[in-house]
């Protein structure tokens, strides 16, 4: 894979360029599903802001949210199988890009 290939993002991968959306996907990639309130607290996002990003990710079929009725209504957010695969590919592209940075450029040059 060349540097040019690793910089080429699909339309759906471009959604990860938003830091909150990348963080949502990262947490769901690790945990598979998480409650809306916990996700809001972990990311430091207001419920309205988090809801906006969740809708964008749902429109791309990367995640889904569902309401569970218990003694209080809960919203569970979970990654879809296609979301898992697309995010995994995106992370591999980032990893390849970062590995292409020469070691001498990573050290402080004064």
N, C-alpha and C. Protein backbone atom coordinates (compact mmCIF):
# COMPACT_ATOMS: atom_id res chain seq x y z
N UNK A 1 0.86 -1.19 0.00
CA UNK A 1 0.00 0.00 0.00
C UNK A 1 0.90 1.24 0.00
N UNK A 2 0.60 2.13 -0.90
CA UNK A 2 1.38 3.37 -0.97
C UNK A 2 0.75 4.43 -0.09
N UNK A 3 1.48 5.51 0.13
CA UNK A 3 0.96 6.62 0.94
C UNK A 3 -0.31 7.17 0.30
N UNK A 4 -0.31 7.28 -1.03
CA UNK A 4 -1.50 7.79 -1.72
C UNK A 4 -2.69 6.89 -1.46
N UNK A 5 -2.50 5.57 -1.52
CA UNK A 5 -3.59 4.63 -1.24
C UNK A 5 -4.11 4.79 0.17
N UNK A 6 -3.21 4.97 1.11
CA UNK A 6 -3.63 5.04 2.51
C UNK A 6 -4.35 6.35 2.82
N UNK A 7 -4.15 7.37 1.98
CA UNK A 7 -4.84 8.64 2.19
C UNK A 7 -6.21 8.68 1.51
N UNK A 8 -6.47 7.73 0.63
CA UNK A 8 -7.74 7.70 -0.08
C UNK A 8 -8.79 7.08 0.81
N UNK A 9 -9.79 7.89 1.17
CA UNK A 9 -10.85 7.42 2.04
C UNK A 9 -12.13 7.26 1.24
N UNK A 10 -12.87 6.22 1.57
CA UNK A 10 -14.18 6.05 0.96
C UNK A 10 -15.12 7.10 1.55
N UNK A 11 -16.26 7.26 0.90
CA UNK A 11 -17.24 8.24 1.37
C UNK A 11 -17.63 7.95 2.82
N UNK A 12 -17.84 6.68 3.13
CA UNK A 12 -18.26 6.33 4.49
C UNK A 12 -17.11 6.51 5.49
N UNK A 13 -15.86 6.28 5.06
CA UNK A 13 -14.72 6.48 5.97
C UNK A 13 -14.52 7.95 6.32
N UNK A 14 -14.93 8.83 5.47
CA UNK A 14 -14.77 10.26 5.74
C UNK A 14 -15.58 10.69 6.96
N UNK A 15 -16.57 9.92 7.31
CA UNK A 15 -17.38 10.21 8.50
C UNK A 15 -16.53 10.14 9.77
N UNK A 16 -15.45 9.36 9.75
CA UNK A 16 -14.58 9.20 10.91
C UNK A 16 -13.64 10.38 11.11
N UNK A 17 -13.61 11.33 10.18
CA UNK A 17 -12.74 12.49 10.32
C UNK A 17 -13.25 13.45 11.39
N UNK A 18 -14.47 13.25 11.84
CA UNK A 18 -15.01 14.01 12.97
C UNK A 18 -14.54 13.32 14.25
N UNK A 19 -13.84 14.05 15.11
CA UNK A 19 -13.30 13.46 16.34
C UNK A 19 -14.36 12.77 17.19
N UNK A 20 -15.54 13.38 17.41
CA UNK A 20 -16.56 12.67 18.22
C UNK A 20 -17.01 11.37 17.57
N UNK A 21 -17.16 11.36 16.24
CA UNK A 21 -17.61 10.13 15.57
C UNK A 21 -16.53 9.06 15.61
N UNK A 22 -15.27 9.47 15.46
CA UNK A 22 -14.18 8.49 15.58
C UNK A 22 -14.19 7.90 17.00
N UNK A 23 -14.37 8.74 18.00
CA UNK A 23 -14.38 8.26 19.39
C UNK A 23 -15.56 7.34 19.67
N UNK A 24 -16.73 7.66 19.13
CA UNK A 24 -17.89 6.80 19.29
C UNK A 24 -17.60 5.43 18.68
N UNK A 25 -17.08 5.44 17.47
CA UNK A 25 -16.78 4.18 16.78
C UNK A 25 -15.70 3.39 17.51
N UNK A 26 -14.68 4.09 18.00
CA UNK A 26 -13.60 3.43 18.73
C UNK A 26 -14.14 2.71 19.97
N UNK A 27 -14.96 3.41 20.75
CA UNK A 27 -15.52 2.79 21.96
C UNK A 27 -16.43 1.62 21.61
N UNK A 28 -17.25 1.78 20.58
CA UNK A 28 -18.13 0.68 20.19
C UNK A 28 -17.37 -0.48 19.58
N UNK A 29 -16.28 -0.19 18.89
CA UNK A 29 -15.44 -1.24 18.34
C UNK A 29 -14.87 -2.11 19.47
N UNK A 30 -14.50 -1.45 20.57
CA UNK A 30 -13.95 -2.17 21.71
C UNK A 30 -15.01 -2.87 22.56
N UNK A 31 -16.13 -2.20 22.78
CA UNK A 31 -17.16 -2.71 23.70
C UNK A 31 -18.34 -3.37 23.02
N UNK A 32 -18.53 -3.14 21.73
CA UNK A 32 -19.64 -3.64 20.92
C UNK A 32 -20.96 -2.91 21.17
N UNK A 33 -21.31 -2.65 22.43
CA UNK A 33 -22.52 -1.86 22.72
C UNK A 33 -22.32 -1.14 24.04
N UNK A 34 -23.01 -0.01 24.14
CA UNK A 34 -22.85 0.84 25.33
C UNK A 34 -24.11 1.69 25.48
N UNK A 35 -24.44 2.03 26.70
CA UNK A 35 -25.59 2.88 26.95
C UNK A 35 -25.33 4.32 26.52
N UNK A 36 -26.39 4.98 26.09
CA UNK A 36 -26.29 6.37 25.61
C UNK A 36 -25.73 7.29 26.69
N UNK A 37 -26.22 7.15 27.91
CA UNK A 37 -25.78 8.04 29.00
C UNK A 37 -24.30 7.81 29.30
N UNK A 38 -23.88 6.55 29.36
CA UNK A 38 -22.47 6.24 29.61
C UNK A 38 -21.59 6.79 28.49
N UNK A 39 -22.05 6.64 27.26
CA UNK A 39 -21.30 7.14 26.11
C UNK A 39 -21.17 8.66 26.19
N UNK A 40 -22.24 9.33 26.55
CA UNK A 40 -22.22 10.78 26.70
C UNK A 40 -21.21 11.21 27.76
N UNK A 41 -21.18 10.50 28.88
CA UNK A 41 -20.25 10.82 29.96
C UNK A 41 -18.81 10.53 29.58
N UNK A 42 -18.57 9.39 28.94
CA UNK A 42 -17.20 9.03 28.55
C UNK A 42 -16.60 10.03 27.56
N UNK A 43 -17.44 10.53 26.66
CA UNK A 43 -16.94 11.43 25.63
C UNK A 43 -17.06 12.90 25.99
N UNK A 44 -17.77 13.20 27.08
CA UNK A 44 -17.95 14.58 27.48
C UNK A 44 -18.81 15.37 26.49
N UNK A 45 -19.76 14.70 25.87
CA UNK A 45 -20.65 15.34 24.92
C UNK A 45 -22.03 15.54 25.53
N UNK A 46 -22.68 16.62 25.16
CA UNK A 46 -24.04 16.82 25.63
C UNK A 46 -24.94 15.80 24.92
N UNK A 47 -26.07 15.46 25.52
CA UNK A 47 -26.97 14.50 24.86
C UNK A 47 -27.37 14.94 23.44
N UNK A 48 -27.63 16.22 23.25
CA UNK A 48 -28.00 16.71 21.92
C UNK A 48 -26.89 16.55 20.91
N UNK A 49 -25.66 16.87 21.31
CA UNK A 49 -24.50 16.73 20.43
C UNK A 49 -24.26 15.26 20.11
N UNK A 50 -24.31 14.40 21.13
CA UNK A 50 -24.10 12.97 20.92
C UNK A 50 -25.17 12.42 19.98
N UNK A 51 -26.41 12.82 20.19
CA UNK A 51 -27.51 12.35 19.35
C UNK A 51 -27.26 12.71 17.88
N UNK A 52 -26.76 13.91 17.62
CA UNK A 52 -26.45 14.35 16.26
C UNK A 52 -25.43 13.40 15.61
N UNK A 53 -24.35 13.10 16.33
CA UNK A 53 -23.31 12.23 15.78
C UNK A 53 -23.81 10.80 15.61
N UNK A 54 -24.62 10.34 16.54
CA UNK A 54 -25.18 8.99 16.43
C UNK A 54 -26.06 8.89 15.18
N UNK A 55 -26.87 9.90 14.93
CA UNK A 55 -27.73 9.88 13.74
C UNK A 55 -26.90 9.80 12.46
N UNK A 56 -25.79 10.54 12.40
CA UNK A 56 -24.92 10.50 11.22
C UNK A 56 -24.35 9.09 11.02
N UNK A 57 -23.92 8.46 12.12
CA UNK A 57 -23.36 7.11 12.03
C UNK A 57 -24.44 6.09 11.70
N UNK A 58 -25.66 6.30 12.18
CA UNK A 58 -26.77 5.40 11.85
C UNK A 58 -27.15 5.53 10.37
N UNK A 59 -27.14 6.74 9.85
CA UNK A 59 -27.45 6.96 8.43
C UNK A 59 -26.48 6.20 7.54
N UNK A 60 -25.26 6.03 7.99
CA UNK A 60 -24.24 5.30 7.24
C UNK A 60 -24.28 3.80 7.55
N UNK A 61 -25.23 3.37 8.39
CA UNK A 61 -25.41 1.96 8.79
C UNK A 61 -24.20 1.40 9.53
N UNK A 62 -23.47 2.27 10.23
CA UNK A 62 -22.30 1.83 10.99
C UNK A 62 -22.69 1.42 12.41
N UNK A 63 -23.71 2.04 12.94
CA UNK A 63 -24.19 1.73 14.29
C UNK A 63 -25.72 1.70 14.27
N UNK A 64 -26.29 1.21 15.36
CA UNK A 64 -27.74 1.29 15.53
C UNK A 64 -28.01 1.55 17.00
N UNK A 65 -29.11 2.21 17.26
CA UNK A 65 -29.49 2.45 18.66
C UNK A 65 -30.89 1.87 18.84
N UNK A 66 -31.14 1.40 20.03
CA UNK A 66 -32.45 0.84 20.33
C UNK A 66 -32.84 1.20 21.75
N UNK A 67 -34.12 1.38 21.93
CA UNK A 67 -34.66 1.75 23.23
C UNK A 67 -35.09 0.48 23.95
N UNK A 68 -34.65 0.35 25.18
CA UNK A 68 -35.03 -0.78 26.02
C UNK A 68 -35.86 -0.25 27.18
N UNK A 69 -36.99 -0.86 27.39
CA UNK A 69 -37.85 -0.43 28.49
C UNK A 69 -37.57 -1.30 29.71
N UNK A 70 -37.20 -0.67 30.77
CA UNK A 70 -37.04 -1.34 32.06
C UNK A 70 -37.69 -0.42 33.07
N UNK A 71 -37.18 -0.34 34.27
CA UNK A 71 -37.78 0.57 35.25
C UNK A 71 -37.63 2.01 34.81
N UNK A 72 -36.70 2.24 33.87
CA UNK A 72 -36.57 3.53 33.20
C UNK A 72 -36.13 3.25 31.77
N UNK A 73 -36.51 4.09 30.84
CA UNK A 73 -36.11 3.85 29.44
C UNK A 73 -34.60 3.98 29.28
N UNK A 74 -34.02 3.06 28.57
CA UNK A 74 -32.59 3.08 28.28
C UNK A 74 -32.39 3.05 26.77
N UNK A 75 -31.36 3.75 26.31
CA UNK A 75 -30.99 3.69 24.90
C UNK A 75 -29.63 3.02 24.83
N UNK A 76 -29.59 1.94 24.07
CA UNK A 76 -28.35 1.19 23.86
C UNK A 76 -27.86 1.47 22.45
N UNK A 77 -26.59 1.79 22.33
CA UNK A 77 -25.97 2.06 21.02
C UNK A 77 -25.02 0.91 20.76
N UNK A 78 -25.12 0.31 19.57
CA UNK A 78 -24.24 -0.81 19.24
C UNK A 78 -23.71 -0.69 17.82
N UNK A 79 -22.54 -1.26 17.62
CA UNK A 79 -21.90 -1.24 16.31
C UNK A 79 -22.51 -2.35 15.46
N UNK A 80 -22.67 -2.09 14.17
CA UNK A 80 -23.19 -3.11 13.26
C UNK A 80 -22.02 -3.95 12.74
N UNK A 81 -22.30 -5.13 12.20
CA UNK A 81 -21.21 -5.92 11.60
C UNK A 81 -20.48 -5.15 10.50
N UNK A 82 -21.23 -4.43 9.66
CA UNK A 82 -20.54 -3.67 8.60
C UNK A 82 -19.76 -2.51 9.21
N UNK A 83 -20.28 -1.91 10.29
CA UNK A 83 -19.55 -0.85 10.99
C UNK A 83 -18.23 -1.35 11.54
N UNK A 84 -18.26 -2.56 12.08
CA UNK A 84 -17.03 -3.17 12.61
C UNK A 84 -15.99 -3.34 11.51
N UNK A 85 -16.42 -3.87 10.37
CA UNK A 85 -15.49 -4.12 9.27
C UNK A 85 -14.96 -2.82 8.66
N UNK A 86 -15.83 -1.86 8.44
CA UNK A 86 -15.41 -0.59 7.85
C UNK A 86 -14.46 0.16 8.78
N UNK A 87 -14.76 0.15 10.09
CA UNK A 87 -13.88 0.84 11.04
C UNK A 87 -12.53 0.13 11.12
N UNK A 88 -12.54 -1.20 11.10
CA UNK A 88 -11.29 -1.97 11.13
C UNK A 88 -10.41 -1.60 9.94
N UNK A 89 -11.01 -1.53 8.75
CA UNK A 89 -10.25 -1.16 7.54
C UNK A 89 -9.69 0.25 7.66
N UNK A 90 -10.47 1.16 8.22
CA UNK A 90 -10.03 2.54 8.41
C UNK A 90 -8.83 2.58 9.35
N UNK A 91 -8.89 1.84 10.44
CA UNK A 91 -7.79 1.82 11.40
C UNK A 91 -6.53 1.25 10.75
N UNK A 92 -6.67 0.21 9.91
CA UNK A 92 -5.50 -0.33 9.21
C UNK A 92 -4.90 0.70 8.26
N UNK A 93 -5.74 1.51 7.61
CA UNK A 93 -5.22 2.57 6.74
C UNK A 93 -4.43 3.59 7.56
N UNK A 94 -4.98 3.97 8.71
CA UNK A 94 -4.26 4.92 9.57
C UNK A 94 -2.94 4.34 10.05
N UNK A 95 -2.98 3.09 10.45
CA UNK A 95 -1.77 2.43 10.93
C UNK A 95 -0.70 2.40 9.84
N UNK A 96 -1.10 2.06 8.64
CA UNK A 96 -0.16 2.03 7.51
C UNK A 96 0.42 3.41 7.23
N UNK A 97 -0.42 4.41 7.32
CA UNK A 97 0.04 5.78 7.10
C UNK A 97 1.05 6.19 8.16
N UNK A 98 0.76 5.88 9.42
CA UNK A 98 1.65 6.26 10.51
C UNK A 98 2.97 5.48 10.46
N UNK A 99 2.90 4.22 10.04
CA UNK A 99 4.14 3.44 9.93
C UNK A 99 5.04 3.96 8.84
N UNK A 100 4.46 4.70 7.89
CA UNK A 100 5.25 5.26 6.79
C UNK A 100 6.02 6.51 7.16
N UNK A 101 5.81 7.02 8.37
CA UNK A 101 6.54 8.22 8.80
C UNK A 101 7.94 7.80 9.24
N UNK A 102 8.97 8.36 8.64
CA UNK A 102 10.33 7.98 9.03
C UNK A 102 10.57 8.27 10.52
N UNK A 103 11.27 7.37 11.17
CA UNK A 103 11.54 7.46 12.59
C UNK A 103 12.20 8.79 12.97
N UNK A 104 13.13 9.25 12.11
CA UNK A 104 13.85 10.49 12.43
C UNK A 104 12.91 11.70 12.47
N UNK A 105 11.77 11.62 11.78
CA UNK A 105 10.83 12.74 11.78
C UNK A 105 10.00 12.77 13.06
N UNK A 106 9.95 11.67 13.76
CA UNK A 106 9.15 11.59 14.99
C UNK A 106 9.87 12.15 16.19
N UNK A 107 11.16 12.29 16.08
CA UNK A 107 11.94 12.81 17.22
C UNK A 107 12.12 14.31 17.08
N UNK A 108 12.21 14.96 18.20
CA UNK A 108 12.35 16.41 18.23
C UNK A 108 13.68 16.80 17.59
N UNK A 109 13.61 17.59 16.56
CA UNK A 109 14.82 18.06 15.88
C UNK A 109 14.98 19.54 16.15
N UNK A 110 15.96 19.89 16.95
CA UNK A 110 16.19 21.30 17.28
C UNK A 110 17.45 21.79 16.64
